[in-house]
Structures are given as C-alpha cells and as structure tokens.
Amino acid sequence: MASPRQNNIYNVMVWFLFLAGLALVFEGAHGAGGGCGQTEMEILKLIPCLSATKDSTVAPSSNCCNEVKVLGQNPSCLCAVLLSNIAKSAGVKPEIAITIPKRCNLLNRPVGFKCGEFTLP
C-alpha cells in the first residue's frame, strides 16, 4: 500500500505528463496554420462556437461570432485554430467550422482565404 507522500508524488508526475502532452497538442495547433502567438488561448475563446462547428444547422451564438470576428482579423490564426488537432479531438468538422464567419454575417471576413484544403466562403 502506497503512503500518502508516494500518492502525492505520483499525482504530481501524472499532472506533469498530462500538461506536457497538452503542450505538444497546442504546439501542433500552432503549426496547423501558423499565425497565432498563443493558439491555446484562441482555442479556448472559441468554446462558444463548439456546437456550430459540428452542425451547419446550428446558428452560431453572438459570443461565438464576436470571437470569430476578432480572430478573423488574422486569417492564418483562425485557420490554425479551426484545423488544429485539439479542435479535431473535440469533434470539430473543419468543413463546417470554416463556414462560421459567413454564418455570423461578418462583413470583413477573409473570403477566399485558403485554410488548409478548404477555402473560407
């Protein structure tokens, strides 16, 4: 039977490995399209968009549209977030996710920007 101290050391090691893995995932997101200084923070900002990235019939919320409007000012960053490994892990469908700027009726969206194998409508 492990002592409380051994359990604490084990828990610290598990958390360290978890955070190291997360850092690799986020680094992969950074490399997906480039242009983001802190892609992991941008991914978190787009949580209100999650349901709209999986189903084209779901209207994006105003919170989602506000975040996409800001992020869309840097199309490379927008692509990095929408095509990231963490987004894919969350069930985001890239072919639906790239339609969010249009579905939000953003006037200054980056129409025609190549986003991986997709083009922003």
PDB file of N, CA and C in Angstrom:
ATOM      1  N   MET A   1       0.841  -1.170   0.000  1.00  0.00           N
ATOM      2  CA  MET A   1       0.000   0.000   0.000  1.00  0.00           C
ATOM      3  C   MET A   1       0.892   1.241   0.000  1.00  0.00           C
ATOM      4  N   ALA A   2       0.582   2.188  -0.881  1.00  0.00           N
ATOM      5  CA  ALA A   2       1.388   3.397  -1.018  1.00  0.00           C
ATOM      6  C   ALA A   2       1.063   4.382   0.095  1.00  0.00           C
ATOM      7  N   SER A   3       2.102   5.081   0.506  1.00  0.00           N
ATOM      8  CA  SER A   3       1.916   6.104   1.539  1.00  0.00           C
ATOM      9  C   SER A   3       1.298   7.354   0.895  1.00  0.00           C
ATOM     10  N   PRO A   4       0.734   8.252   1.711  1.00  0.00           N
ATOM     11  CA  PRO A   4       0.181   9.496   1.156  1.00  0.00           C
ATOM     12  C   PRO A   4       1.219  10.303   0.379  1.00  0.00           C
ATOM     13  N   ARG A   5       2.465  10.281   0.861  1.00  0.00           N
ATOM     14  CA  ARG A   5       3.524  11.018   0.175  1.00  0.00           C
ATOM     15  C   ARG A   5       3.789  10.424  -1.212  1.00  0.00           C
ATOM     16  N   GLN A   6       3.811   9.087  -1.310  1.00  0.00           N
ATOM     17  CA  GLN A   6       4.012   8.440  -2.598  1.00  0.00           C
ATOM     18  C   GLN A   6       2.857   8.747  -3.541  1.00  0.00           C
ATOM     19  N   ASN A   7       1.633   8.788  -3.021  1.00  0.00           N
ATOM     20  CA  ASN A   7       0.477   9.129  -3.846  1.00  0.00           C
ATOM     21  C   ASN A   7       0.581  10.553  -4.377  1.00  0.00           C
ATOM     22  N   ASN A   8       1.063  11.467  -3.538  1.00  0.00           N
ATOM     23  CA  ASN A   8       1.232  12.858  -3.974  1.00  0.00           C
ATOM     24  C   ASN A   8       2.276  12.968  -5.075  1.00  0.00           C
ATOM     25  N   ILE A   9       3.373  12.255  -4.929  1.00  0.00           N
ATOM     26  CA  ILE A   9       4.425  12.277  -5.943  1.00  0.00           C
ATOM     27  C   ILE A   9       3.881  11.704  -7.249  1.00  0.00           C
ATOM     28  N   TYR A  10       3.150  10.626  -7.146  1.00  0.00           N
ATOM     29  CA  TYR A  10       2.540  10.002  -8.323  1.00  0.00           C
ATOM     30  C   TYR A  10       1.586  10.992  -9.001  1.00  0.00           C
ATOM     31  N   ASN A  11       0.739  11.661  -8.225  1.00  0.00           N
ATOM     32  CA  ASN A  11      -0.211  12.618  -8.793  1.00  0.00           C
ATOM     33  C   ASN A  11       0.504  13.781  -9.484  1.00  0.00           C
ATOM     34  N   VAL A  12       1.578  14.264  -8.883  1.00  0.00           N
ATOM     35  CA  VAL A  12       2.348  15.342  -9.488  1.00  0.00           C
ATOM     36  C   VAL A  12       2.945  14.874 -10.814  1.00  0.00           C
ATOM     37  N   MET A  13       3.462  13.663 -10.856  1.00  0.00           N
ATOM     38  CA  MET A  13       4.047  13.124 -12.090  1.00  0.00           C
ATOM     39  C   MET A  13       2.982  12.972 -13.174  1.00  0.00           C
ATOM     40  N   VAL A  14       1.817  12.479 -12.806  1.00  0.00           N
ATOM     41  CA  VAL A  14       0.733  12.315 -13.780  1.00  0.00           C
ATOM     42  C   VAL A  14       0.329  13.674 -14.349  1.00  0.00           C
ATOM     43  N   TRP A  15       0.177  14.681 -13.486  1.00  0.00           N
ATOM     44  CA  TRP A  15      -0.191  16.017 -13.956  1.00  0.00           C
ATOM     45  C   TRP A  15       0.898  16.601 -14.846  1.00  0.00           C
ATOM     46  N   PHE A  16       2.143  16.376 -14.482  1.00  0.00           N
ATOM     47  CA  PHE A  16       3.236  16.882 -15.307  1.00  0.00           C
ATOM     48  C   PHE A  16       3.174  16.278 -16.704  1.00  0.00           C
ATOM     49  N   LEU A  17       2.994  14.971 -16.787  1.00  0.00           N
ATOM     50  CA  LEU A  17       2.904  14.304 -18.089  1.00  0.00           C
ATOM     51  C   LEU A  17       1.690  14.783 -18.878  1.00  0.00           C
ATOM     52  N   PHE A  18       0.573  14.988 -18.181  1.00  0.00           N
ATOM     53  CA  PHE A  18      -0.641  15.481 -18.826  1.00  0.00           C
ATOM     54  C   PHE A  18      -0.391  16.866 -19.429  1.00  0.00           C
ATOM     55  N   LEU A  19       0.221  17.757 -18.634  1.00  0.00           N
ATOM     56  CA  LEU A  19       0.480  19.111 -19.118  1.00  0.00           C
ATOM     57  C   LEU A  19       1.500  19.112 -20.255  1.00  0.00           C
ATOM     58  N   ALA A  20       2.483  18.241 -20.182  1.00  0.00           N
ATOM     59  CA  ALA A  20       3.464  18.140 -21.262  1.00  0.00           C
ATOM     60  C   ALA A  20       2.782  17.675 -22.548  1.00  0.00           C
ATOM     61  N   GLY A  21       1.871  16.720 -22.423  1.00  0.00           N
ATOM     62  CA  GLY A  21       1.105  16.257 -23.580  1.00  0.00           C
ATOM     63  C   GLY A  21       0.239  17.356 -24.159  1.00  0.00           C
ATOM     64  N   LEU A  22      -0.377  18.117 -23.290  1.00  0.00           N
ATOM     65  CA  LEU A  22      -1.209  19.234 -23.736  1.00  0.00           C
ATOM     66  C   LEU A  22      -0.368  20.261 -24.484  1.00  0.00           C
ATOM     67  N   ALA A  23       0.819  20.514 -23.984  1.00  0.00           N
ATOM     68  CA  ALA A  23       1.709  21.472 -24.648  1.00  0.00           C
ATOM     69  C   ALA A  23       2.031  20.999 -26.067  1.00  0.00           C
ATOM     70  N   LEU A  24       2.241  19.698 -26.233  1.00  0.00           N
ATOM     71  CA  LEU A  24       2.504  19.163 -27.568  1.00  0.00           C
ATOM     72  C   LEU A  24       1.299  19.321 -28.470  1.00  0.00           C
ATOM     73  N   VAL A  25       0.110  19.076 -27.933  1.00  0.00           N
ATOM     74  CA  VAL A  25      -1.114  19.244 -28.710  1.00  0.00           C
ATOM     75  C   VAL A  25      -1.246  20.686 -29.155  1.00  0.00           C
ATOM     76  N   PHE A  26      -1.034  21.625 -28.224  1.00  0.00           N
ATOM     77  CA  PHE A  26      -1.167  23.031 -28.562  1.00  0.00           C
ATOM     78  C   PHE A  26      -0.090  23.467 -29.538  1.00  0.00           C
ATOM     79  N   GLU A  27       1.083  22.909 -29.429  1.00  0.00           N
ATOM     80  CA  GLU A  27       2.134  23.241 -30.382  1.00  0.00           C
ATOM     81  C   GLU A  27       1.731  22.750 -31.762  1.00  0.00           C
ATOM     82  N   GLY A  28       1.069  21.589 -31.807  1.00  0.00           N
ATOM     83  CA  GLY A  28       0.550  21.087 -33.080  1.00  0.00           C
ATOM     84  C   GLY A  28      -0.487  22.030 -33.650  1.00  0.00           C
ATOM     85  N   ALA A  29      -1.314  22.617 -32.793  1.00  0.00           N
ATOM     86  CA  ALA A  29      -2.311  23.582 -33.251  1.00  0.00           C
ATOM     87  C   ALA A  29      -1.621  24.805 -33.815  1.00  0.00           C
ATOM     88  N   HIS A  30      -0.536  25.222 -33.171  1.00  0.00           N
ATOM     89  CA  HIS A  30       0.199  26.390 -33.638  1.00  0.00           C
ATOM     90  C   HIS A  30       0.741  26.142 -35.037  1.00  0.00           C
ATOM     91  N   GLY A  31       1.200  24.918 -35.267  1.00  0.00           N
ATOM     92  CA  GLY A  31       1.771  24.604 -36.557  1.00  0.00           C
ATOM     93  C   GLY A  31       0.736  24.319 -37.629  1.00  0.00           C
ATOM     94  N   ALA A  32      -0.527  24.155 -37.269  1.00  0.00           N
ATOM     95  CA  ALA A  32      -1.547  23.786 -38.238  1.00  0.00           C
ATOM     96  C   ALA A  32      -1.743  24.853 -39.298  1.00  0.00           C
ATOM     97  N   GLY A  33      -1.650  26.095 -38.954  1.00  0.00           N
ATOM     98  CA  GLY A  33      -1.838  27.142 -39.930  1.00  0.00           C
ATOM     99  C   GLY A  33      -0.985  28.344 -39.634  1.00  0.00           C
ATOM    100  N   GLY A  34      -0.334  28.326 -38.506  1.00  0.00           N
ATOM    101  CA  GLY A  34       0.550  29.410 -38.123  1.00  0.00           C
ATOM    102  C   GLY A  34      -0.196  30.680 -37.776  1.00  0.00           C
ATOM    103  N   GLY A  35       0.560  31.687 -37.428  1.00  0.00           N
ATOM    104  CA  GLY A  35      -0.008  32.991 -37.216  1.00  0.00           C
ATOM    105  C   GLY A  35      -0.548  33.276 -35.833  1.00  0.00           C
ATOM    106  N   CYS A  36      -0.510  32.325 -34.928  1.00  0.00           N
ATOM    107  CA  CYS A  36      -1.026  32.555 -33.578  1.00  0.00           C
ATOM    108  C   CYS A  36       0.127  32.524 -32.593  1.00  0.00           C
ATOM    109  N   GLY A  37       0.189  33.548 -31.769  1.00  0.00           N
ATOM    110  CA  GLY A  37       1.201  33.540 -30.730  1.00  0.00           C
ATOM    111  C   GLY A  37       0.849  32.558 -29.635  1.00  0.00           C
ATOM    112  N   GLN A  38      -0.422  32.526 -29.256  1.00  0.00           N
ATOM    113  CA  GLN A  38      -0.865  31.659 -28.170  1.00  0.00           C
ATOM    114  C   GLN A  38      -2.139  30.938 -28.627  1.00  0.00           C
ATOM    115  N   THR A  39      -1.971  29.983 -29.525  1.00  0.00           N
ATOM    116  CA  THR A  39      -3.108  29.298 -30.119  1.00  0.00           C
ATOM    117  C   THR A  39      -4.023  28.692 -29.073  1.00  0.00           C
ATOM    118  N   GLU A  40      -3.436  28.168 -27.989  1.00  0.00           N
ATOM    119  CA  GLU A  40      -4.267  27.533 -26.964  1.00  0.00           C
ATOM    120  C   GLU A  40      -5.263  28.516 -26.365  1.00  0.00           C
ATOM    121  N   MET A  41      -4.874  29.772 -26.230  1.00  0.00           N
ATOM    122  CA  MET A  41      -5.802  30.777 -25.704  1.00  0.00           C
ATOM    123  C   MET A  41      -6.898  31.073 -26.715  1.00  0.00           C
ATOM    124  N   GLU A  42      -6.548  31.072 -27.986  1.00  0.00           N
ATOM    125  CA  GLU A  42      -7.535  31.322 -29.034  1.00  0.00           C
ATOM    126  C   GLU A  42      -8.533  30.173 -29.105  1.00  0.00           C
ATOM    127  N   ILE A  43      -8.054  28.950 -28.918  1.00  0.00           N
ATOM    128  CA  ILE A  43      -8.949  27.787 -28.925  1.00  0.00           C
ATOM    129  C   ILE A  43      -9.970  27.922 -27.805  1.00  0.00           C
ATOM    130  N   LEU A  44      -9.521  28.316 -26.632  1.00  0.00           N
ATOM    131  CA  LEU A  44     -10.431  28.469 -25.502  1.00  0.00           C
ATOM    132  C   LEU A  44     -11.482  29.540 -25.768  1.00  0.00           C
ATOM    133  N   LYS A  45     -11.108  30.601 -26.461  1.00  0.00           N
ATOM    134  CA  LYS A  45     -12.050  31.673 -26.762  1.00  0.00           C
ATOM    135  C   LYS A  45     -13.180  31.204 -27.674  1.00  0.00           C
ATOM    136  N   LEU A  46     -12.920  30.161 -28.460  1.00  0.00           N
ATOM    137  CA  LEU A  46     -13.921  29.693 -29.417  1.00  0.00           C
ATOM    138  C   LEU A  46     -14.815  28.580 -28.870  1.00  0.00           C
ATOM    139  N   ILE A  47     -14.750  28.323 -27.588  1.00  0.00           N
ATOM    140  CA  ILE A  47     -15.629  27.310 -26.986  1.00  0.00           C
ATOM    141  C   ILE A  47     -17.104  27.605 -27.259  1.00  0.00           C
ATOM    142  N   PRO A  48     -17.552  28.880 -27.256  1.00  0.00           N
ATOM    143  CA  PRO A  48     -18.964  29.134 -27.565  1.00  0.00           C
ATOM    144  C   PRO A  48     -19.367  28.694 -28.977  1.00  0.00           C
ATOM    145  N   CYS A  49     -18.384  28.422 -29.829  1.00  0.00           N
ATOM    146  CA  CYS A  49     -18.663  28.013 -31.210  1.00  0.00           C
ATOM    147  C   CYS A  49     -18.756  26.497 -31.382  1.00  0.00           C
ATOM    148  N   LEU A  50     -18.481  25.749 -30.345  1.00  0.00           N
ATOM    149  CA  LEU A  50     -18.307  24.310 -30.491  1.00  0.00           C
ATOM    150  C   LEU A  50     -19.477  23.631 -31.195  1.00  0.00           C
ATOM    151  N   SER A  51     -20.698  23.873 -30.767  1.00  0.00           N
ATOM    152  CA  SER A  51     -21.833  23.181 -31.396  1.00  0.00           C
ATOM    153  C   SER A  51     -22.003  23.615 -32.849  1.00  0.00           C
ATOM    154  N   ALA A  52     -21.691  24.868 -33.154  1.00  0.00           N
ATOM    155  CA  ALA A  52     -21.820  25.362 -34.525  1.00  0.00           C
ATOM    156  C   ALA A  52     -20.729  24.815 -35.443  1.00  0.00           C
ATOM    157  N   THR A  53     -19.657  24.284 -34.876  1.00  0.00           N
ATOM    158  CA  THR A  53     -18.578  23.715 -35.698  1.00  0.00           C
ATOM    159  C   THR A  53     -18.851  22.261 -36.060  1.00  0.00           C
ATOM    160  N   LYS A  54     -19.880  21.694 -35.447  1.00  0.00           N
ATOM    161  CA  LYS A  54     -20.202  20.286 -35.685  1.00  0.00           C
ATOM    162  C   LYS A  54     -21.451  20.096 -36.527  1.00  0.00           C
ATOM    163  N   ASP A  55     -22.289  21.137 -36.588  1.00  0.00           N
ATOM    164  CA  ASP A  55     -23.589  21.016 -37.244  1.00  0.00           C
ATOM    165  C   ASP A  55     -23.899  22.332 -37.946  1.00  0.00           C
ATOM    166  N   SER A  56     -24.014  22.302 -39.254  1.00  0.00           N
ATOM    167  CA  SER A  56     -24.243  23.525 -40.021  1.00  0.00           C
ATOM    168  C   SER A  56     -25.628  24.118 -39.801  1.00  0.00           C
ATOM    169  N   THR A  57     -26.538  23.383 -39.184  1.00  0.00           N
ATOM    170  CA  THR A  57     -27.872  23.922 -38.915  1.00  0.00           C
ATOM    171  C   THR A  57     -27.946  24.673 -37.593  1.00  0.00           C
ATOM    172  N   VAL A  58     -26.881  24.591 -36.785  1.00  0.00           N
ATOM    173  CA  VAL A  58     -26.838  25.305 -35.505  1.00  0.00           C
ATOM    174  C   VAL A  58     -26.345  26.726 -35.765  1.00  0.00           C
ATOM    175  N   ALA A  59     -27.153  27.696 -35.364  1.00  0.00           N
ATOM    176  CA  ALA A  59     -26.749  29.098 -35.524  1.00  0.00           C
ATOM    177  C   ALA A  59     -25.653  29.431 -34.515  1.00  0.00           C
ATOM    178  N   PRO A  60     -24.575  30.058 -34.970  1.00  0.00           N
ATOM    179  CA  PRO A  60     -23.527  30.464 -34.032  1.00  0.00           C
ATOM    180  C   PRO A  60     -24.073  31.519 -33.063  1.00  0.00           C
ATOM    181  N   SER A  61     -23.683  31.403 -31.811  1.00  0.00           N
ATOM    182  CA  SER A  61     -24.127  32.367 -30.797  1.00  0.00           C
ATOM    183  C   SER A  61     -23.455  33.721 -31.032  1.00  0.00           C
ATOM    184  N   SER A  62     -23.992  34.758 -30.401  1.00  0.00           N
ATOM    185  CA  SER A  62     -23.376  36.084 -30.533  1.00  0.00           C
ATOM    186  C   SER A  62     -21.972  36.081 -29.929  1.00  0.00           C
ATOM    187  N   ASN A  63     -21.768  35.330 -28.836  1.00  0.00           N
ATOM    188  CA  ASN A  63     -20.423  35.221 -28.248  1.00  0.00           C
ATOM    189  C   ASN A  63     -19.457  34.589 -29.246  1.00  0.00           C
ATOM    190  N   CYS A  64     -19.918  33.548 -29.917  1.00  0.00           N
ATOM    191  CA  CYS A  64     -19.098  32.880 -30.921  1.00  0.00           C
ATOM    192  C   CYS A  64     -18.738  33.867 -32.029  1.00  0.00           C
ATOM    193  N   CYS A  65     -19.729  34.555 -32.552  1.00  0.00           N
ATOM    194  CA  CYS A  65     -19.492  35.491 -33.656  1.00  0.00           C
ATOM    195  C   CYS A  65     -18.544  36.619 -33.259  1.00  0.00           C
ATOM    196  N   ASN A  66     -18.677  37.099 -32.044  1.00  0.00           N
ATOM    197  CA  ASN A  66     -17.775  38.150 -31.577  1.00  0.00           C
ATOM    198  C   ASN A  66     -16.325  37.663 -31.550  1.00  0.00           C
ATOM    199  N   GLU A  67     -16.118  36.451 -31.064  1.00  0.00           N
ATOM    200  CA  GLU A  67     -14.755  35.898 -31.003  1.00  0.00           C
ATOM    201  C   GLU A  67     -14.208  35.611 -32.399  1.00  0.00           C
ATOM    202  N   VAL A  68     -15.058  35.097 -33.289  1.00  0.00           N
ATOM    203  CA  VAL A  68     -14.623  34.806 -34.657  1.00  0.00           C
ATOM    204  C   VAL A  68     -14.294  36.104 -35.386  1.00  0.00           C
ATOM    205  N   LYS A  69     -15.046  37.154 -35.108  1.00  0.00           N
ATOM    206  CA  LYS A  69     -14.775  38.462 -35.733  1.00  0.00           C
ATOM    207  C   LYS A  69     -13.371  38.938 -35.374  1.00  0.00           C
ATOM    208  N   VAL A  70     -13.012  38.828 -34.106  1.00  0.00           N
ATOM    209  CA  VAL A  70     -11.683  39.249 -33.662  1.00  0.00           C
ATOM    210  C   VAL A  70     -10.615  38.338 -34.252  1.00  0.00           C
ATOM    211  N   LEU A  71     -10.831  37.037 -34.147  1.00  0.00           N
ATOM    212  CA  LEU A  71      -9.850  36.071 -34.629  1.00  0.00           C
ATOM    213  C   LEU A  71      -9.705  36.140 -36.150  1.00  0.00           C
ATOM    214  N   GLY A  72     -10.796  36.447 -36.845  1.00  0.00           N
ATOM    215  CA  GLY A  72     -10.783  36.527 -38.302  1.00  0.00           C
ATOM    216  C   GLY A  72      -9.943  37.671 -38.843  1.00  0.00           C
ATOM    217  N   GLN A  73      -9.542  38.598 -37.976  1.00  0.00           N
ATOM    218  CA  GLN A  73      -8.646  39.667 -38.405  1.00  0.00           C
ATOM    219  C   GLN A  73      -7.264  39.111 -38.745  1.00  0.00           C
ATOM    220  N   ASN A  74      -6.984  37.906 -38.257  1.00  0.00           N
ATOM    221  CA  ASN A  74      -5.748  37.195 -38.587  1.00  0.00           C
ATOM    222  C   ASN A  74      -6.168  35.835 -39.157  1.00  0.00           C
ATOM    223  N   PRO A  75      -6.442  35.765 -40.458  1.00  0.00           N
ATOM    224  CA  PRO A  75      -6.957  34.528 -41.054  1.00  0.00           C
ATOM    225  C   PRO A  75      -6.067  33.302 -40.815  1.00  0.00           C
ATOM    226  N   SER A  76      -4.757  33.502 -40.777  1.00  0.00           N
ATOM    227  CA  SER A  76      -3.857  32.369 -40.524  1.00  0.00           C
ATOM    228  C   SER A  76      -4.105  31.778 -39.148  1.00  0.00           C
ATOM    229  N   CYS A  77      -4.344  32.643 -38.186  1.00  0.00           N
ATOM    230  CA  CYS A  77      -4.626  32.190 -36.829  1.00  0.00           C
ATOM    231  C   CYS A  77      -5.972  31.486 -36.777  1.00  0.00           C
ATOM    232  N   LEU A  78      -6.971  32.065 -37.441  1.00  0.00           N
ATOM    233  CA  LEU A  78      -8.297  31.443 -37.496  1.00  0.00           C
ATOM    234  C   LEU A  78      -8.193  30.026 -38.047  1.00  0.00           C
ATOM    235  N   CYS A  79      -7.437  29.867 -39.117  1.00  0.00           N
ATOM    236  CA  CYS A  79      -7.253  28.538 -39.705  1.00  0.00           C
ATOM    237  C   CYS A  79      -6.522  27.601 -38.752  1.00  0.00           C
ATOM    238  N   ALA A  80      -5.487  28.107 -38.104  1.00  0.00           N
ATOM    239  CA  ALA A  80      -4.719  27.276 -37.168  1.00  0.00           C
ATOM    240  C   ALA A  80      -5.625  26.733 -36.078  1.00  0.00           C
ATOM    241  N   VAL A  81      -6.530  27.563 -35.600  1.00  0.00           N
ATOM    242  CA  VAL A  81      -7.439  27.143 -34.533  1.00  0.00           C
ATOM    243  C   VAL A  81      -8.459  26.147 -35.062  1.00  0.00           C
ATOM    244  N   LEU A  82      -9.115  26.476 -36.178  1.00  0.00           N
ATOM    245  CA  LEU A  82     -10.180  25.628 -36.704  1.00  0.00           C
ATOM    246  C   LEU A  82      -9.675  24.274 -37.197  1.00  0.00           C
ATOM    247  N   LEU A  83      -8.421  24.222 -37.635  1.00  0.00           N
ATOM    248  CA  LEU A  83      -7.859  22.974 -38.166  1.00  0.00           C
ATOM    249  C   LEU A  83      -6.919  22.277 -37.197  1.00  0.00           C
ATOM    250  N   SER A  84      -6.864  22.756 -35.968  1.00  0.00           N
ATOM    251  CA  SER A  84      -5.921  22.200 -35.002  1.00  0.00           C
ATOM    252  C   SER A  84      -6.295  20.780 -34.583  1.00  0.00           C
ATOM    253  N   ASN A  85      -5.319  20.074 -34.071  1.00  0.00           N
ATOM    254  CA  ASN A  85      -5.551  18.715 -33.573  1.00  0.00           C
ATOM    255  C   ASN A  85      -6.526  18.719 -32.400  1.00  0.00           C
ATOM    256  N   ILE A  86      -6.437  19.738 -31.560  1.00  0.00           N
ATOM    257  CA  ILE A  86      -7.339  19.785 -30.408  1.00  0.00           C
ATOM    258  C   ILE A  86      -8.771  20.031 -30.865  1.00  0.00           C
ATOM    259  N   ALA A  87      -8.956  20.833 -31.913  1.00  0.00           N
ATOM    260  CA  ALA A  87     -10.300  21.046 -32.456  1.00  0.00           C
ATOM    261  C   ALA A  87     -10.853  19.735 -33.010  1.00  0.00           C
ATOM    262  N   LYS A  88     -10.021  19.015 -33.741  1.00  0.00           N
ATOM    263  CA  LYS A  88     -10.446  17.717 -34.275  1.00  0.00           C
ATOM    264  C   LYS A  88     -10.800  16.760 -33.148  1.00  0.00           C
ATOM    265  N   SER A  89     -10.008  16.777 -32.078  1.00  0.00           N
ATOM    266  CA  SER A  89     -10.283  15.913 -30.927  1.00  0.00           C
ATOM    267  C   SER A  89     -11.615  16.243 -30.273  1.00  0.00           C
ATOM    268  N   ALA A  90     -12.029  17.506 -30.381  1.00  0.00           N
ATOM    269  CA  ALA A  90     -13.299  17.938 -29.787  1.00  0.00           C
ATOM    270  C   ALA A  90     -14.482  17.662 -30.716  1.00  0.00           C
ATOM    271  N   GLY A  91     -14.216  17.089 -31.881  1.00  0.00           N
ATOM    272  CA  GLY A  91     -15.289  16.747 -32.804  1.00  0.00           C
ATOM    273  C   GLY A  91     -15.620  17.831 -33.813  1.00  0.00           C
ATOM    274  N   VAL A  92     -14.763  18.853 -33.910  1.00  0.00           N
ATOM    275  CA  VAL A  92     -14.988  19.931 -34.868  1.00  0.00           C
ATOM    276  C   VAL A  92     -14.846  19.373 -36.274  1.00  0.00           C
ATOM    277  N   LYS A  93     -15.806  19.715 -37.129  1.00  0.00           N
ATOM    278  CA  LYS A  93     -15.751  19.328 -38.539  1.00  0.00           C
ATOM    279  C   LYS A  93     -15.244  20.544 -39.311  1.00  0.00           C
ATOM    280  N   PRO A  94     -14.010  20.472 -39.822  1.00  0.00           N
ATOM    281  CA  PRO A  94     -13.409  21.650 -40.467  1.00  0.00           C
ATOM    282  C   PRO A  94     -14.260  22.225 -41.593  1.00  0.00           C
ATOM    283  N   GLU A  95     -14.900  21.354 -42.375  1.00  0.00           N
ATOM    284  CA  GLU A  95     -15.707  21.831 -43.496  1.00  0.00           C
ATOM    285  C   GLU A  95     -16.919  22.639 -43.029  1.00  0.00           C
ATOM    286  N   ILE A  96     -17.346  22.413 -41.803  1.00  0.00           N
ATOM    287  CA  ILE A  96     -18.442  23.193 -41.213  1.00  0.00           C
ATOM    288  C   ILE A  96     -17.877  24.399 -40.465  1.00  0.00           C
ATOM    289  N   ALA A  97     -16.780  24.196 -39.749  1.00  0.00           N
ATOM    290  CA  ALA A  97     -16.185  25.268 -38.942  1.00  0.00           C
ATOM    291  C   ALA A  97     -15.802  26.479 -39.790  1.00  0.00           C
ATOM    292  N   ILE A  98     -15.279  26.241 -40.995  1.00  0.00           N
ATOM    293  CA  ILE A  98     -14.843  27.375 -41.818  1.00  0.00           C
ATOM    294  C   ILE A  98     -16.013  28.207 -42.330  1.00  0.00           C
ATOM    295  N   THR A  99     -17.227  27.715 -42.176  1.00  0.00           N
ATOM    296  CA  THR A  99     -18.394  28.490 -42.617  1.00  0.00           C
ATOM    297  C   THR A  99     -18.903  29.447 -41.540  1.00  0.00           C
ATOM    298  N   ILE A 100     -18.354  29.358 -40.338  1.00  0.00           N
ATOM    299  CA  ILE A 100     -18.860  30.187 -39.239  1.00  0.00           C
ATOM    300  C   ILE A 100     -18.745  31.684 -39.522  1.00  0.00           C
ATOM    301  N   PRO A 101     -17.627  32.195 -40.051  1.00  0.00           N
ATOM    302  CA  PRO A 101     -17.599  33.644 -40.330  1.00  0.00           C
ATOM    303  C   PRO A 101     -18.749  34.080 -41.247  1.00  0.00           C
ATOM    304  N   LYS A 102     -19.055  33.276 -42.250  1.00  0.00           N
ATOM    305  CA  LYS A 102     -20.170  33.605 -43.157  1.00  0.00           C
ATOM    306  C   LYS A 102     -21.501  33.481 -42.427  1.00  0.00           C
ATOM    307  N   ARG A 103     -21.650  32.419 -41.628  1.00  0.00           N
ATOM    308  CA  ARG A 103     -22.900  32.211 -40.892  1.00  0.00           C
ATOM    309  C   ARG A 103     -23.119  33.296 -39.848  1.00  0.00           C
ATOM    310  N   CYS A 104     -22.043  33.949 -39.419  1.00  0.00           N
ATOM    311  CA  CYS A 104     -22.148  35.078 -38.485  1.00  0.00           C
ATOM    312  C   CYS A 104     -22.412  36.387 -39.228  1.00  0.00           C
ATOM    313  N   ASN A 105     -22.477  36.325 -40.558  1.00  0.00           N
ATOM    314  CA  ASN A 105     -22.695  37.512 -41.393  1.00  0.00           C
ATOM    315  C   ASN A 105     -21.627  38.582 -41.175  1.00  0.00           C
ATOM    316  N   LEU A 106     -20.374  38.137 -41.007  1.00  0.00           N
ATOM    317  CA  LEU A 106     -19.275  39.085 -40.810  1.00  0.00           C
ATOM    318  C   LEU A 106     -18.926  39.729 -42.151  1.00  0.00           C
ATOM    319  N   LEU A 107     -19.018  41.038 -42.209  1.00  0.00           N
ATOM    320  CA  LEU A 107     -18.790  41.757 -43.457  1.00  0.00           C
ATOM    321  C   LEU A 107     -17.337  41.743 -43.887  1.00  0.00           C
ATOM    322  N   ASN A 108     -16.416  41.813 -42.951  1.00  0.00           N
ATOM    323  CA  ASN A 108     -14.989  41.878 -43.273  1.00  0.00           C
ATOM    324  C   ASN A 108     -14.300  40.530 -43.103  1.00  0.00           C
ATOM    325  N   ARG A 109     -15.023  39.452 -43.333  1.00  0.00           N
ATOM    326  CA  ARG A 109     -14.417  38.126 -43.191  1.00  0.00           C
ATOM    327  C   ARG A 109     -13.435  37.887 -44.339  1.00  0.00           C
ATOM    328  N   PRO A 110     -12.473  37.001 -44.130  1.00  0.00           N
ATOM    329  CA  PRO A 110     -11.442  36.752 -45.149  1.00  0.00           C
ATOM    330  C   PRO A 110     -11.923  35.800 -46.251  1.00  0.00           C
ATOM    331  N   VAL A 111     -12.871  36.252 -47.059  1.00  0.00           N
ATOM    332  CA  VAL A 111     -13.443  35.441 -48.138  1.00  0.00           C
ATOM    333  C   VAL A 111     -12.340  35.010 -49.097  1.00  0.00           C
ATOM    334  N   GLY A 112     -12.335  33.717 -49.438  1.00  0.00           N
ATOM    335  CA  GLY A 112     -11.372  33.193 -50.392  1.00  0.00           C
ATOM    336  C   GLY A 112     -10.031  32.804 -49.797  1.00  0.00           C
ATOM    337  N   PHE A 113      -9.849  33.040 -48.501  1.00  0.00           N
ATOM    338  CA  PHE A 113      -8.584  32.680 -47.856  1.00  0.00           C
ATOM    339  C   PHE A 113      -8.457  31.165 -47.810  1.00  0.00           C
ATOM    340  N   LYS A 114      -7.304  30.645 -48.254  1.00  0.00           N
ATOM    341  CA  LYS A 114      -7.056  29.201 -48.207  1.00  0.00           C
ATOM    342  C   LYS A 114      -6.754  28.792 -46.781  1.00  0.00           C
ATOM    343  N   CYS A 115      -7.546  27.856 -46.308  1.00  0.00           N
ATOM    344  CA  CYS A 115      -7.449  27.368 -44.934  1.00  0.00           C
ATOM    345  C   CYS A 115      -7.212  25.856 -45.026  1.00  0.00           C
ATOM    346  N   GLY A 116      -5.934  25.477 -45.134  1.00  0.00           N
ATOM    347  CA  GLY A 116      -5.634  24.065 -45.365  1.00  0.00           C
ATOM    348  C   GLY A 116      -6.182  23.670 -46.738  1.00  0.00           C
ATOM    349  N   GLU A 117      -6.953  22.610 -46.772  1.00  0.00           N
ATOM    350  CA  GLU A 117      -7.557  22.175 -48.029  1.00  0.00           C
ATOM    351  C   GLU A 117      -8.884  22.863 -48.309  1.00  0.00           C
ATOM    352  N   PHE A 118      -9.291  23.766 -47.436  1.00  0.00           N
ATOM    353  CA  PHE A 118     -10.570  24.464 -47.554  1.00  0.00           C
ATOM    354  C   PHE A 118     -10.353  25.927 -47.929  1.00  0.00           C
ATOM    355  N   THR A 119     -11.397  26.544 -48.447  1.00  0.00           N
ATOM    356  CA  THR A 119     -11.387  27.964 -48.754  1.00  0.00           C
ATOM    357  C   THR A 119     -12.516  28.613 -47.982  1.00  0.00           C
ATOM    358  N   LEU A 120     -12.199  29.694 -47.264  1.00  0.00           N
ATOM    359  CA  LEU A 120     -13.226  30.382 -46.478  1.00  0.00           C
ATOM    360  C   LEU A 120     -14.262  31.002 -47.406  1.00  0.00           C
ATOM    361  N   PRO A 121     -15.553  30.686 -47.146  1.00  0.00           N
ATOM    362  CA  PRO A 121     -16.619  31.243 -48.005  1.00  0.00           C
ATOM    363  C   PRO A 121     -16.919  32.698 -47.648  1.00  0.00           C
TER     364      PRO A 121
END
